Amino acid sequence: MKVLFVCTGNTCRSPMAEYIARDEAEKRGIDAVFSSAGLFPGSRLSSGARAAIKKLTGIDASHDPRPVTNKDFEQADLVIGISSSHAGAIRNLFGDREGLISMPEDIPDPFGCDDEEYLACAEKIKEGIIKLFEDGIIH
């Protein structure tokens, strides 16, 4: 299964989701490929996101933000907007399709906040990802 997470800048929320999902899949013995992209990508992974990924997964994340493309959209089995507005924007750009969803709960943007807010955001993302695994949406 190929899963693509999409947020605004691909500098915090979607990369955190990518790494958290990868970690959860490994723990569950699920063979899936995770990636992330942004509607309007920034220049680099935020330090707060990097710290949150490290704390929750133990992974020292390396990530270059990139734009979501039609090819990404077509090749992914599951495209997950970090919020319902991201899913709507993706739908407007590339059309509707089966496998285009949003996280179970919209995840607020921690951009510009302190590391505690990034960690709180990552924990909300992890809760949503666990629900997606438990509901069989990511398999």
Foldseek 3Di string as FASTA:
>chain_A
DEEEEEEAAQQAQRVLLQLLLVQVCVVVVHDYHYYYAYQHHDAHHDPLRQVLSCVRRVDRDDDGHHHDDLVNVVPGQAYEYLAVVSLVVCCVVRNDDPRRYYFPHRQDDCPPHDSVNSNVSSVVSSVSSVVCVVVVVRD
